[in-house]
Amino acid sequence: MNYKTIAQETLNIEAQTLFNAGMLIDDVFDKAVETILKCKGKLIITGVGKSGLIGAKMAATFASTGTPSFFLHPTEALHGDLGMIGEDDVVIGISYSGESEELSSILPHIKRFNVPLIGMTRDEKSTLGSFSDMVIKINVEKEACPIDTAPTSSTTLTLALGDALAVCLMKARDFKKSDFASFHPGGALGKKLFIKVSNLMQKDKLPLISKNAKLKDAILSISEGRLGTTLIVDENEKLLGLLSDGDVRRALLSKDFSLEDEVLKYATLNPMTCENADILASDALVLIEEKKIQLLVVTDKNKNIQGVLHIHTLIEKGIS
């Protein structure tokens, strides 16, 4: 049996289903988007079985992209959760056949609330279609399964139509990356858009050494500081330069090398610094990578040291 061919056929059938549906999008879809945009309450998604699973994902997508939404299971609705529907809400009911018993049971009660009901079904004349104020049709010629029965193409199309609604709403609301990140502060994008240098930089127990220090003292400071670098300061503790373990290794190649040499002989003077601790950590990472450094010193405009940010800290915190 050629599983590769079966997989390809499955994907081709579902891809064709999506393509065909795209050609059939009509004014009803526009009306559904406008209805949701005008909603002053929440967008409530309901359905059972596979449709319910798709509905739960749709609700999560809407909620994370600026449309307050939640999933309501029809069975739970019959046992008290109908009270979660308010007069300012909009409901999307999902049933491919349009005749799901559990969903059909709550449709008359939903209509009592006089809220807009958007049906997602293949049959406008079905129970769901009849109760709905507008119907987004699930047009499927063939399920992708070999017996043309298991929900495959139909669930894929329903999910894709939900995504299409969400994208339309995002564009209508001019939803930006920063908006998305505000709903995902713990995700990668949230970290990229919200975590600042000041949130991650080390401020205490910084490895500082006088400009008059010997190289041997600087090496000890590098070891104790555990940052691979020591910060060289003047008598007022303003930054003058850096000495890294790499600088020390290069110094060892000098013919006149001596541990009694002054640290400034091998230091990097006027190093790259950051004078704004409120810049994004992701921007600091770009600077670190561009300059091919491991440690970024944060100072004020007068070279007073505020803290340091090591590339390892950015990596550990998932900043990219």
C-alpha atoms as a PDB file:
ATOM      1  CA  MET A   1       0.000   0.000   0.000  1.00  0.00           C
ATOM      2  CA  ASN A   2       1.375   3.398  -1.000  1.00  0.00           C
ATOM      3  CA  TYR A   3       0.707   5.639   1.997  1.00  0.00           C
ATOM      4  CA  LYS A   4       2.476   8.570   0.384  1.00  0.00           C
ATOM      5  CA  THR A   5      -0.042   8.531  -2.467  1.00  0.00           C
ATOM      6  CA  ILE A   6      -2.970   8.259  -0.036  1.00  0.00           C
ATOM      7  CA  ALA A   7      -1.665  11.227   1.948  1.00  0.00           C
ATOM      8  CA  GLN A   8      -1.240  13.268  -1.218  1.00  0.00           C
ATOM      9  CA  GLU A   9      -4.770  12.422  -2.373  1.00  0.00           C
ATOM     10  CA  THR A  10      -6.175  13.410   1.019  1.00  0.00           C
ATOM     11  CA  LEU A  11      -4.423  16.763   0.971  1.00  0.00           C
ATOM     12  CA  ASN A  12      -5.403  17.381  -2.643  1.00  0.00           C
ATOM     13  CA  ILE A  13      -9.074  16.707  -1.924  1.00  0.00           C
ATOM     14  CA  GLU A  14      -9.087  19.049   1.044  1.00  0.00           C
ATOM     15  CA  ALA A  15      -7.096  21.703  -0.842  1.00  0.00           C
ATOM     16  CA  GLN A  16      -9.586  21.549  -3.706  1.00  0.00           C
ATOM     17  CA  THR A  17     -12.432  21.875  -1.206  1.00  0.00           C
ATOM     18  CA  LEU A  18     -10.896  25.068   0.166  1.00  0.00           C
ATOM     19  CA  PHE A  19     -10.262  26.437  -3.318  1.00  0.00           C
ATOM     20  CA  ASN A  20     -13.840  25.772  -4.407  1.00  0.00           C
ATOM     21  CA  ALA A  21     -15.215  27.372  -1.257  1.00  0.00           C
ATOM     22  CA  GLY A  22     -13.098  30.460  -1.862  1.00  0.00           C
ATOM     23  CA  MET A  23     -14.752  30.910  -5.240  1.00  0.00           C
ATOM     24  CA  LEU A  24     -18.209  30.730  -3.636  1.00  0.00           C
ATOM     25  CA  ILE A  25     -17.780  33.359  -0.898  1.00  0.00           C
ATOM     26  CA  ASP A  26     -20.743  35.718  -1.209  1.00  0.00           C
ATOM     27  CA  ASP A  27     -22.397  38.733   0.409  1.00  0.00           C
ATOM     28  CA  VAL A  28     -23.593  36.604   3.326  1.00  0.00           C
ATOM     29  CA  PHE A  29     -19.998  36.379   4.488  1.00  0.00           C
ATOM     30  CA  ASP A  30     -19.743  40.189   4.405  1.00  0.00           C
ATOM     31  CA  LYS A  31     -22.961  40.430   6.411  1.00  0.00           C
ATOM     32  CA  ALA A  32     -21.622  37.977   8.998  1.00  0.00           C
ATOM     33  CA  VAL A  33     -18.417  39.991   9.426  1.00  0.00           C
ATOM     34  CA  GLU A  34     -20.360  43.253   9.793  1.00  0.00           C
ATOM     35  CA  THR A  35     -22.707  41.630  12.310  1.00  0.00           C
ATOM     36  CA  ILE A  36     -19.801  40.497  14.464  1.00  0.00           C
ATOM     37  CA  LEU A  37     -18.100  43.892  14.161  1.00  0.00           C
ATOM     38  CA  LYS A  38     -21.223  45.595  15.492  1.00  0.00           C
ATOM     39  CA  CYS A  39     -21.461  43.139  18.393  1.00  0.00           C
ATOM     40  CA  LYS A  40     -21.201  44.982  21.729  1.00  0.00           C
ATOM     41  CA  GLY A  41     -21.046  41.761  23.715  1.00  0.00           C
ATOM     42  CA  LYS A  42     -19.318  38.466  23.006  1.00  0.00           C
ATOM     43  CA  LEU A  43     -19.188  36.124  20.051  1.00  0.00           C
ATOM     44  CA  ILE A  44     -20.435  32.733  21.231  1.00  0.00           C
ATOM     45  CA  ILE A  45     -19.613  29.581  19.264  1.00  0.00           C
ATOM     46  CA  THR A  46     -21.625  26.401  19.738  1.00  0.00           C
ATOM     47  CA  GLY A  47     -21.678  22.911  18.241  1.00  0.00           C
ATOM     48  CA  VAL A  48     -21.211  19.259  19.174  1.00  0.00           C
ATOM     49  CA  GLY A  49     -18.859  16.464  18.178  1.00  0.00           C
ATOM     50  CA  LYS A  50     -16.290  17.367  15.541  1.00  0.00           C
ATOM     51  CA  SER A  51     -18.108  20.647  14.942  1.00  0.00           C
ATOM     52  CA  GLY A  52     -17.779  21.421  18.617  1.00  0.00           C
ATOM     53  CA  LEU A  53     -14.038  20.815  18.528  1.00  0.00           C
ATOM     54  CA  ILE A  54     -13.728  23.113  15.532  1.00  0.00           C
ATOM     55  CA  GLY A  55     -15.917  25.661  17.308  1.00  0.00           C
ATOM     56  CA  ALA A  56     -13.710  25.634  20.395  1.00  0.00           C
ATOM     57  CA  LYS A  57     -10.668  26.357  18.233  1.00  0.00           C
ATOM     58  CA  MET A  58     -12.521  29.138  16.431  1.00  0.00           C
ATOM     59  CA  ALA A  59     -13.489  30.737  19.737  1.00  0.00           C
ATOM     60  CA  ALA A  60      -9.864  30.649  20.867  1.00  0.00           C
ATOM     61  CA  THR A  61      -8.755  32.254  17.601  1.00  0.00           C
ATOM     62  CA  PHE A  62     -11.349  35.006  17.831  1.00  0.00           C
ATOM     63  CA  ALA A  63     -10.526  35.719  21.470  1.00  0.00           C
ATOM     64  CA  SER A  64      -6.806  36.027  20.776  1.00  0.00           C
ATOM     65  CA  THR A  65      -7.301  38.327  17.797  1.00  0.00           C
ATOM     66  CA  GLY A  66      -9.475  41.021  19.325  1.00  0.00           C
ATOM     67  CA  THR A  67     -12.978  39.539  19.263  1.00  0.00           C
ATOM     68  CA  PRO A  68     -14.178  38.550  22.760  1.00  0.00           C
ATOM     69  CA  SER A  69     -15.425  35.006  22.326  1.00  0.00           C
ATOM     70  CA  PHE A  70     -16.070  31.715  24.080  1.00  0.00           C
ATOM     71  CA  PHE A  71     -17.338  28.231  23.260  1.00  0.00           C
ATOM     72  CA  LEU A  72     -20.702  27.070  24.625  1.00  0.00           C
ATOM     73  CA  HIS A  73     -21.498  23.355  24.569  1.00  0.00           C
ATOM     74  CA  PRO A  74     -25.184  22.772  23.669  1.00  0.00           C
ATOM     75  CA  THR A  75     -25.682  20.148  26.379  1.00  0.00           C
ATOM     76  CA  GLU A  76     -24.318  22.469  29.068  1.00  0.00           C
ATOM     77  CA  ALA A  77     -26.464  25.256  27.619  1.00  0.00           C
ATOM     78  CA  LEU A  78     -29.601  23.177  28.260  1.00  0.00           C
ATOM     79  CA  HIS A  79     -28.585  22.796  31.887  1.00  0.00           C
ATOM     80  CA  GLY A  80     -28.049  26.410  32.838  1.00  0.00           C
ATOM     81  CA  ASP A  81     -25.328  27.808  30.605  1.00  0.00           C
ATOM     82  CA  LEU A  82     -27.864  29.514  28.347  1.00  0.00           C
ATOM     83  CA  GLY A  83     -27.626  32.243  30.962  1.00  0.00           C
ATOM     84  CA  MET A  84     -24.195  33.021  29.536  1.00  0.00           C
ATOM     85  CA  ILE A  85     -25.841  34.489  26.437  1.00  0.00           C
ATOM     86  CA  GLY A  86     -26.560  38.208  26.721  1.00  0.00           C
ATOM     87  CA  GLU A  87     -28.698  40.518  24.637  1.00  0.00           C
ATOM     88  CA  ASP A  88     -25.623  42.163  23.080  1.00  0.00           C
ATOM     89  CA  ASP A  89     -24.041  38.888  21.949  1.00  0.00           C
ATOM     90  CA  VAL A  90     -23.811  37.126  18.591  1.00  0.00           C
ATOM     91  CA  VAL A  91     -23.996  33.339  18.241  1.00  0.00           C
ATOM     92  CA  ILE A  92     -22.393  31.102  15.629  1.00  0.00           C
ATOM     93  CA  GLY A  93     -23.929  27.620  15.444  1.00  0.00           C
ATOM     94  CA  ILE A  94     -21.955  24.888  13.664  1.00  0.00           C
ATOM     95  CA  SER A  95     -23.417  21.670  12.266  1.00  0.00           C
ATOM     96  CA  TYR A  96     -22.481  20.237   8.884  1.00  0.00           C
ATOM     97  CA  SER A  97     -25.821  18.479   8.484  1.00  0.00           C
ATOM     98  CA  GLY A  98     -27.687  21.228  10.281  1.00  0.00           C
ATOM     99  CA  GLU A  99     -29.644  18.582  12.181  1.00  0.00           C
ATOM    100  CA  SER A 100     -27.519  17.906  15.246  1.00  0.00           C
ATOM    101  CA  GLU A 101     -30.028  16.974  17.945  1.00  0.00           C
ATOM    102  CA  GLU A 102     -28.233  18.686  20.814  1.00  0.00           C
ATOM    103  CA  LEU A 103     -27.709  21.908  18.875  1.00  0.00           C
ATOM    104  CA  SER A 104     -31.227  21.901  17.453  1.00  0.00           C
ATOM    105  CA  SER A 105     -32.589  21.667  21.004  1.00  0.00           C
ATOM    106  CA  ILE A 106     -31.153  25.012  22.043  1.00  0.00           C
ATOM    107  CA  LEU A 107     -31.869  26.975  18.855  1.00  0.00           C
ATOM    108  CA  PRO A 108     -35.413  28.063  19.876  1.00  0.00           C
ATOM    109  CA  HIS A 109     -34.046  29.247  23.222  1.00  0.00           C
ATOM    110  CA  ILE A 110     -31.229  31.197  21.555  1.00  0.00           C
ATOM    111  CA  LYS A 111     -33.794  32.933  19.368  1.00  0.00           C
ATOM    112  CA  ARG A 112     -35.703  33.973  22.508  1.00  0.00           C
ATOM    113  CA  PHE A 113     -32.749  36.190  23.355  1.00  0.00           C
ATOM    114  CA  ASN A 114     -33.262  37.979  20.037  1.00  0.00           C
ATOM    115  CA  VAL A 115     -29.542  37.839  19.246  1.00  0.00           C
ATOM    116  CA  PRO A 116     -28.132  37.376  15.735  1.00  0.00           C
ATOM    117  CA  LEU A 117     -27.529  33.710  14.892  1.00  0.00           C
ATOM    118  CA  ILE A 118     -25.012  32.817  12.204  1.00  0.00           C
ATOM    119  CA  GLY A 119     -25.319  29.244  11.003  1.00  0.00           C
ATOM    120  CA  MET A 120     -22.463  27.267   9.478  1.00  0.00           C
ATOM    121  CA  THR A 121     -23.996  24.285   7.668  1.00  0.00           C
ATOM    122  CA  ARG A 122     -24.286  22.697   4.226  1.00  0.00           C
ATOM    123  CA  ASP A 123     -28.083  23.005   4.097  1.00  0.00           C
ATOM    124  CA  GLU A 124     -29.864  26.343   4.378  1.00  0.00           C
ATOM    125  CA  LYS A 125     -33.182  24.478   4.788  1.00  0.00           C
ATOM    126  CA  SER A 126     -31.964  22.379   7.713  1.00  0.00           C
ATOM    127  CA  THR A 127     -33.053  23.076  11.278  1.00  0.00           C
ATOM    128  CA  LEU A 128     -29.946  25.182  11.912  1.00  0.00           C
ATOM    129  CA  GLY A 129     -30.327  26.946   8.579  1.00  0.00           C
ATOM    130  CA  SER A 130     -33.986  27.734   9.256  1.00  0.00           C
ATOM    131  CA  PHE A 131     -33.291  29.281  12.650  1.00  0.00           C
ATOM    132  CA  SER A 132     -30.273  31.250  11.447  1.00  0.00           C
ATOM    133  CA  ASP A 133     -30.386  34.906  10.430  1.00  0.00           C
ATOM    134  CA  MET A 134     -27.647  34.164   7.907  1.00  0.00           C
ATOM    135  CA  VAL A 135     -25.945  30.981   6.748  1.00  0.00           C
ATOM    136  CA  ILE A 136     -22.320  30.509   5.796  1.00  0.00           C
ATOM    137  CA  LYS A 137     -22.527  27.398   3.660  1.00  0.00           C
ATOM    138  CA  ILE A 138     -20.139  24.492   4.111  1.00  0.00           C
ATOM    139  CA  ASN A 139     -19.875  23.449   0.469  1.00  0.00           C
ATOM    140  CA  VAL A 140     -18.174  20.059   0.275  1.00  0.00           C
ATOM    141  CA  GLU A 141     -18.319  17.774  -2.764  1.00  0.00           C
ATOM    142  CA  LYS A 142     -16.471  14.904  -1.108  1.00  0.00           C
ATOM    143  CA  GLU A 143     -15.030  14.034   2.265  1.00  0.00           C
ATOM    144  CA  ALA A 144     -11.379  13.074   2.067  1.00  0.00           C
ATOM    145  CA  CYS A 145     -11.913   9.741   3.796  1.00  0.00           C
ATOM    146  CA  PRO A 146     -12.154   6.650   1.515  1.00  0.00           C
ATOM    147  CA  ILE A 147     -15.797   5.994   2.399  1.00  0.00           C
ATOM    148  CA  ASP A 148     -16.806   9.651   2.030  1.00  0.00           C
ATOM    149  CA  THR A 149     -18.249   9.683   5.544  1.00  0.00           C
ATOM    150  CA  ALA A 150     -15.795  10.722   8.277  1.00  0.00           C
ATOM    151  CA  PRO A 151     -15.684  14.514   8.737  1.00  0.00           C
ATOM    152  CA  THR A 152     -12.462  15.522   6.991  1.00  0.00           C
ATOM    153  CA  SER A 153     -12.960  17.971   4.149  1.00  0.00           C
ATOM    154  CA  SER A 154     -15.981  19.441   5.929  1.00  0.00           C
ATOM    155  CA  THR A 155     -14.167  20.069   9.217  1.00  0.00           C
ATOM    156  CA  THR A 156     -11.147  21.482   7.380  1.00  0.00           C
ATOM    157  CA  LEU A 157     -13.389  23.893   5.477  1.00  0.00           C
ATOM    158  CA  THR A 158     -15.285  24.914   8.614  1.00  0.00           C
ATOM    159  CA  LEU A 159     -12.036  25.659  10.406  1.00  0.00           C
ATOM    160  CA  ALA A 160     -10.729  27.622   7.430  1.00  0.00           C
ATOM    161  CA  LEU A 161     -13.919  29.669   7.202  1.00  0.00           C
ATOM    162  CA  GLY A 162     -13.570  30.471  10.898  1.00  0.00           C
ATOM    163  CA  ASP A 163     -10.027  31.640  10.225  1.00  0.00           C
ATOM    164  CA  ALA A 164     -11.280  33.732   7.318  1.00  0.00           C
ATOM    165  CA  LEU A 165     -13.811  35.429   9.592  1.00  0.00           C
ATOM    166  CA  ALA A 166     -11.115  36.113  12.181  1.00  0.00           C
ATOM    167  CA  VAL A 167      -8.746  37.580   9.578  1.00  0.00           C
ATOM    168  CA  CYS A 168     -11.490  39.838   8.190  1.00  0.00           C
ATOM    169  CA  LEU A 169     -12.201  41.100  11.697  1.00  0.00           C
ATOM    170  CA  MET A 170      -8.502  41.673  12.368  1.00  0.00           C
ATOM    171  CA  LYS A 171      -8.155  43.772   9.220  1.00  0.00           C
ATOM    172  CA  ALA A 172     -11.356  45.685   9.962  1.00  0.00           C
ATOM    173  CA  ARG A 173     -10.040  46.543  13.439  1.00  0.00           C
ATOM    174  CA  ASP A 174      -6.492  47.228  12.212  1.00  0.00           C
ATOM    175  CA  PHE A 175      -5.297  44.569  14.650  1.00  0.00           C
ATOM    176  CA  LYS A 176      -1.494  44.779  15.012  1.00  0.00           C
ATOM    177  CA  LYS A 177       1.293  42.565  16.306  1.00  0.00           C
ATOM    178  CA  SER A 178       1.380  44.570  19.509  1.00  0.00           C
ATOM    179  CA  ASP A 179      -2.337  43.884  20.016  1.00  0.00           C
ATOM    180  CA  PHE A 180      -1.781  40.167  19.473  1.00  0.00           C
ATOM    181  CA  ALA A 181       1.168  40.172  21.878  1.00  0.00           C
ATOM    182  CA  SER A 182      -0.941  41.853  24.570  1.00  0.00           C
ATOM    183  CA  PHE A 183      -3.129  38.723  24.565  1.00  0.00           C
ATOM    184  CA  HIS A 184      -0.036  36.460  24.543  1.00  0.00           C
ATOM    185  CA  PRO A 185       2.405  38.040  27.035  1.00  0.00           C
ATOM    186  CA  GLY A 186       3.970  34.659  27.778  1.00  0.00           C
ATOM    187  CA  GLY A 187       4.502  33.699  24.155  1.00  0.00           C
ATOM    188  CA  ALA A 188       7.473  34.365  21.935  1.00  0.00           C
ATOM    189  CA  LEU A 189       5.867  37.417  20.359  1.00  0.00           C
ATOM    190  CA  GLY A 190       4.881  38.797  23.755  1.00  0.00           C
ATOM    191  CA  LYS A 191       8.451  38.480  24.941  1.00  0.00           C
ATOM    192  CA  LYS A 192       9.714  40.143  21.796  1.00  0.00           C
ATOM    193  CA  LEU A 193       7.352  43.099  22.056  1.00  0.00           C
ATOM    194  CA  PHE A 194       7.172  43.711  25.781  1.00  0.00           C
ATOM    195  CA  ILE A 195      10.310  42.629  27.643  1.00  0.00           C
ATOM    196  CA  LYS A 196      12.774  45.485  27.990  1.00  0.00           C
ATOM    197  CA  VAL A 197      16.494  45.585  28.700  1.00  0.00           C
ATOM    198  CA  SER A 198      15.706  46.929  32.170  1.00  0.00           C
ATOM    199  CA  ASN A 199      13.734  43.742  32.901  1.00  0.00           C
ATOM    200  CA  LEU A 200      16.701  41.473  32.209  1.00  0.00           C
ATOM    201  CA  MET A 201      19.909  43.376  32.885  1.00  0.00           C
ATOM    202  CA  GLN A 202      22.097  42.547  35.866  1.00  0.00           C
ATOM    203  CA  LYS A 203      22.413  45.544  38.182  1.00  0.00           C
ATOM    204  CA  ASP A 204      24.144  44.207  41.280  1.00  0.00           C
ATOM    205  CA  LYS A 205      27.578  42.729  41.986  1.00  0.00           C
ATOM    206  CA  LEU A 206      28.986  43.885  38.682  1.00  0.00           C
ATOM    207  CA  PRO A 207      32.655  43.070  38.013  1.00  0.00           C
ATOM    208  CA  LEU A 208      34.325  46.500  38.174  1.00  0.00           C
ATOM    209  CA  ILE A 209      38.025  47.254  38.191  1.00  0.00           C
ATOM    210  CA  SER A 210      40.061  50.441  38.331  1.00  0.00           C
ATOM    211  CA  LYS A 211      41.792  51.815  35.233  1.00  0.00           C
ATOM    212  CA  ASN A 212      45.049  51.581  37.200  1.00  0.00           C
ATOM    213  CA  ALA A 213      44.654  47.881  37.951  1.00  0.00           C
ATOM    214  CA  LYS A 214      47.094  45.213  36.795  1.00  0.00           C
ATOM    215  CA  LEU A 215      46.152  42.537  34.311  1.00  0.00           C
ATOM    216  CA  LYS A 216      46.357  39.846  36.997  1.00  0.00           C
ATOM    217  CA  ASP A 217      43.711  41.682  39.032  1.00  0.00           C
ATOM    218  CA  ALA A 218      41.509  41.991  35.979  1.00  0.00           C
ATOM    219  CA  ILE A 219      41.714  38.247  35.335  1.00  0.00           C
ATOM    220  CA  LEU A 220      40.589  37.607  38.906  1.00  0.00           C
ATOM    221  CA  SER A 221      37.688  40.040  38.441  1.00  0.00           C
ATOM    222  CA  ILE A 222      36.620  38.249  35.241  1.00  0.00           C
ATOM    223  CA  SER A 223      36.652  34.924  37.068  1.00  0.00           C
ATOM    224  CA  GLU A 224      34.685  36.176  40.063  1.00  0.00           C
ATOM    225  CA  GLY A 225      32.160  38.104  37.971  1.00  0.00           C
ATOM    226  CA  ARG A 226      31.207  35.058  35.863  1.00  0.00           C
ATOM    227  CA  LEU A 227      30.326  37.219  32.897  1.00  0.00           C
ATOM    228  CA  GLY A 228      33.466  36.591  30.890  1.00  0.00           C
ATOM    229  CA  THR A 229      34.233  40.312  31.133  1.00  0.00           C
ATOM    230  CA  THR A 230      35.235  42.941  33.652  1.00  0.00           C
ATOM    231  CA  LEU A 231      34.266  46.609  33.416  1.00  0.00           C
ATOM    232  CA  ILE A 232      37.071  49.143  33.653  1.00  0.00           C
ATOM    233  CA  VAL A 233      36.097  52.385  35.376  1.00  0.00           C
ATOM    234  CA  ASP A 234      37.662  55.689  36.338  1.00  0.00           C
ATOM    235  CA  GLU A 235      37.835  57.148  39.824  1.00  0.00           C
ATOM    236  CA  ASN A 236      34.137  58.110  39.597  1.00  0.00           C
ATOM    237  CA  GLU A 237      33.168  54.623  38.415  1.00  0.00           C
ATOM    238  CA  LYS A 238      32.325  55.859  34.921  1.00  0.00           C
ATOM    239  CA  LEU A 239      32.883  53.310  32.185  1.00  0.00           C
ATOM    240  CA  LEU A 240      36.200  53.524  30.327  1.00  0.00           C
ATOM    241  CA  GLY A 241      36.483  50.121  28.744  1.00  0.00           C
ATOM    242  CA  LEU A 242      36.059  46.360  28.939  1.00  0.00           C
ATOM    243  CA  LEU A 243      38.411  43.450  29.270  1.00  0.00           C
ATOM    244  CA  SER A 244      37.036  40.095  28.181  1.00  0.00           C
ATOM    245  CA  ASP A 245      38.482  36.620  28.488  1.00  0.00           C
ATOM    246  CA  GLY A 246      39.017  36.837  24.734  1.00  0.00           C
ATOM    247  CA  ASP A 247      41.151  39.944  25.246  1.00  0.00           C
ATOM    248  CA  VAL A 248      43.217  38.016  27.786  1.00  0.00           C
ATOM    249  CA  ARG A 249      43.761  35.122  25.406  1.00  0.00           C
ATOM    250  CA  ARG A 250      44.916  37.498  22.703  1.00  0.00           C
ATOM    251  CA  ALA A 251      47.208  39.224  25.197  1.00  0.00           C
ATOM    252  CA  LEU A 252      48.929  35.907  25.877  1.00  0.00           C
ATOM    253  CA  LEU A 253      50.206  35.977  22.287  1.00  0.00           C
ATOM    254  CA  SER A 254      52.096  39.218  22.876  1.00  0.00           C
ATOM    255  CA  LYS A 255      55.872  38.806  23.149  1.00  0.00           C
ATOM    256  CA  ASP A 256      56.084  41.258  26.024  1.00  0.00           C
ATOM    257  CA  PHE A 257      53.070  39.865  27.887  1.00  0.00           C
ATOM    258  CA  SER A 258      53.140  40.247  31.654  1.00  0.00           C
ATOM    259  CA  LEU A 259      50.540  39.831  34.358  1.00  0.00           C
ATOM    260  CA  GLU A 260      51.931  43.050  35.812  1.00  0.00           C
ATOM    261  CA  ASP A 261      50.909  45.037  32.749  1.00  0.00           C
ATOM    262  CA  GLU A 262      48.241  47.689  33.221  1.00  0.00           C
ATOM    263  CA  VAL A 263      44.800  46.459  32.255  1.00  0.00           C
ATOM    264  CA  LEU A 264      44.263  49.358  29.829  1.00  0.00           C
ATOM    265  CA  LYS A 265      47.036  47.980  27.626  1.00  0.00           C
ATOM    266  CA  TYR A 266      44.794  45.113  26.507  1.00  0.00           C
ATOM    267  CA  ALA A 267      41.329  46.541  27.095  1.00  0.00           C
ATOM    268  CA  THR A 268      38.666  47.526  24.591  1.00  0.00           C
ATOM    269  CA  LEU A 269      38.265  51.260  25.116  1.00  0.00           C
ATOM    270  CA  ASN A 270      35.022  53.138  24.407  1.00  0.00           C
ATOM    271  CA  PRO A 271      33.035  49.901  23.997  1.00  0.00           C
ATOM    272  CA  MET A 272      29.552  49.620  22.549  1.00  0.00           C
ATOM    273  CA  THR A 273      27.000  50.655  25.186  1.00  0.00           C
ATOM    274  CA  CYS A 274      23.267  51.135  25.476  1.00  0.00           C
ATOM    275  CA  GLU A 275      22.067  54.427  26.952  1.00  0.00           C
ATOM    276  CA  ASN A 276      18.397  53.471  27.153  1.00  0.00           C
ATOM    277  CA  ALA A 277      17.370  50.630  29.459  1.00  0.00           C
ATOM    278  CA  ASP A 278      13.800  50.906  28.166  1.00  0.00           C
ATOM    279  CA  ILE A 279      14.556  49.595  24.678  1.00  0.00           C
ATOM    280  CA  LEU A 280      13.186  46.163  23.876  1.00  0.00           C
ATOM    281  CA  ALA A 281      15.360  43.202  24.771  1.00  0.00           C
ATOM    282  CA  SER A 282      14.864  41.900  21.229  1.00  0.00           C
ATOM    283  CA  ASP A 283      16.395  45.126  19.866  1.00  0.00           C
ATOM    284  CA  ALA A 284      19.324  44.725  22.244  1.00  0.00           C
ATOM    285  CA  LEU A 285      19.847  41.211  20.904  1.00  0.00           C
ATOM    286  CA  VAL A 286      20.014  42.574  17.359  1.00  0.00           C
ATOM    287  CA  LEU A 287      22.670  45.050  18.497  1.00  0.00           C
ATOM    288  CA  ILE A 288      24.661  42.336  20.268  1.00  0.00           C
ATOM    289  CA  GLU A 289      24.572  40.077  17.221  1.00  0.00           C
ATOM    290  CA  GLU A 290      25.472  42.875  14.801  1.00  0.00           C
ATOM    291  CA  LYS A 291      28.472  43.961  16.878  1.00  0.00           C
ATOM    292  CA  LYS A 292      29.434  40.349  17.640  1.00  0.00           C
ATOM    293  CA  ILE A 293      29.715  40.972  21.377  1.00  0.00           C
ATOM    294  CA  GLN A 294      28.542  38.932  24.341  1.00  0.00           C
ATOM    295  CA  LEU A 295      28.014  41.664  26.912  1.00  0.00           C
ATOM    296  CA  LEU A 296      26.150  44.932  26.458  1.00  0.00           C
ATOM    297  CA  VAL A 297      26.814  47.581  29.095  1.00  0.00           C
ATOM    298  CA  VAL A 298      23.889  49.834  29.944  1.00  0.00           C
ATOM    299  CA  THR A 299      24.869  53.361  30.947  1.00  0.00           C
ATOM    300  CA  ASP A 300      23.382  56.811  31.159  1.00  0.00           C
ATOM    301  CA  LYS A 301      24.570  59.593  28.862  1.00  0.00           C
ATOM    302  CA  ASN A 302      27.363  60.406  31.301  1.00  0.00           C
ATOM    303  CA  LYS A 303      28.804  56.866  31.182  1.00  0.00           C
ATOM    304  CA  ASN A 304      27.510  55.990  34.645  1.00  0.00           C
ATOM    305  CA  ILE A 305      26.948  52.227  34.644  1.00  0.00           C
ATOM    306  CA  GLN A 306      23.336  51.114  35.107  1.00  0.00           C
ATOM    307  CA  GLY A 307      23.776  47.391  34.474  1.00  0.00           C
ATOM    308  CA  VAL A 308      24.878  44.778  31.968  1.00  0.00           C
ATOM    309  CA  LEU A 309      23.013  42.432  29.659  1.00  0.00           C
ATOM    310  CA  HIS A 310      24.637  39.156  28.602  1.00  0.00           C
ATOM    311  CA  ILE A 311      23.648  37.315  25.446  1.00  0.00           C
ATOM    312  CA  HIS A 312      23.182  34.124  27.481  1.00  0.00           C
ATOM    313  CA  THR A 313      20.461  35.847  29.526  1.00  0.00           C
ATOM    314  CA  LEU A 314      18.568  36.738  26.348  1.00  0.00           C
ATOM    315  CA  ILE A 315      18.811  33.174  25.089  1.00  0.00           C
ATOM    316  CA  GLU A 316      17.709  31.690  28.410  1.00  0.00           C
ATOM    317  CA  LYS A 317      14.646  33.969  28.463  1.00  0.00           C
ATOM    318  CA  GLY A 318      13.654  32.988  24.938  1.00  0.00           C
ATOM    319  CA  ILE A 319      14.284  36.369  23.354  1.00  0.00           C
ATOM    320  CA  SER A 320      14.808  36.024  19.619  1.00  0.00           C
END
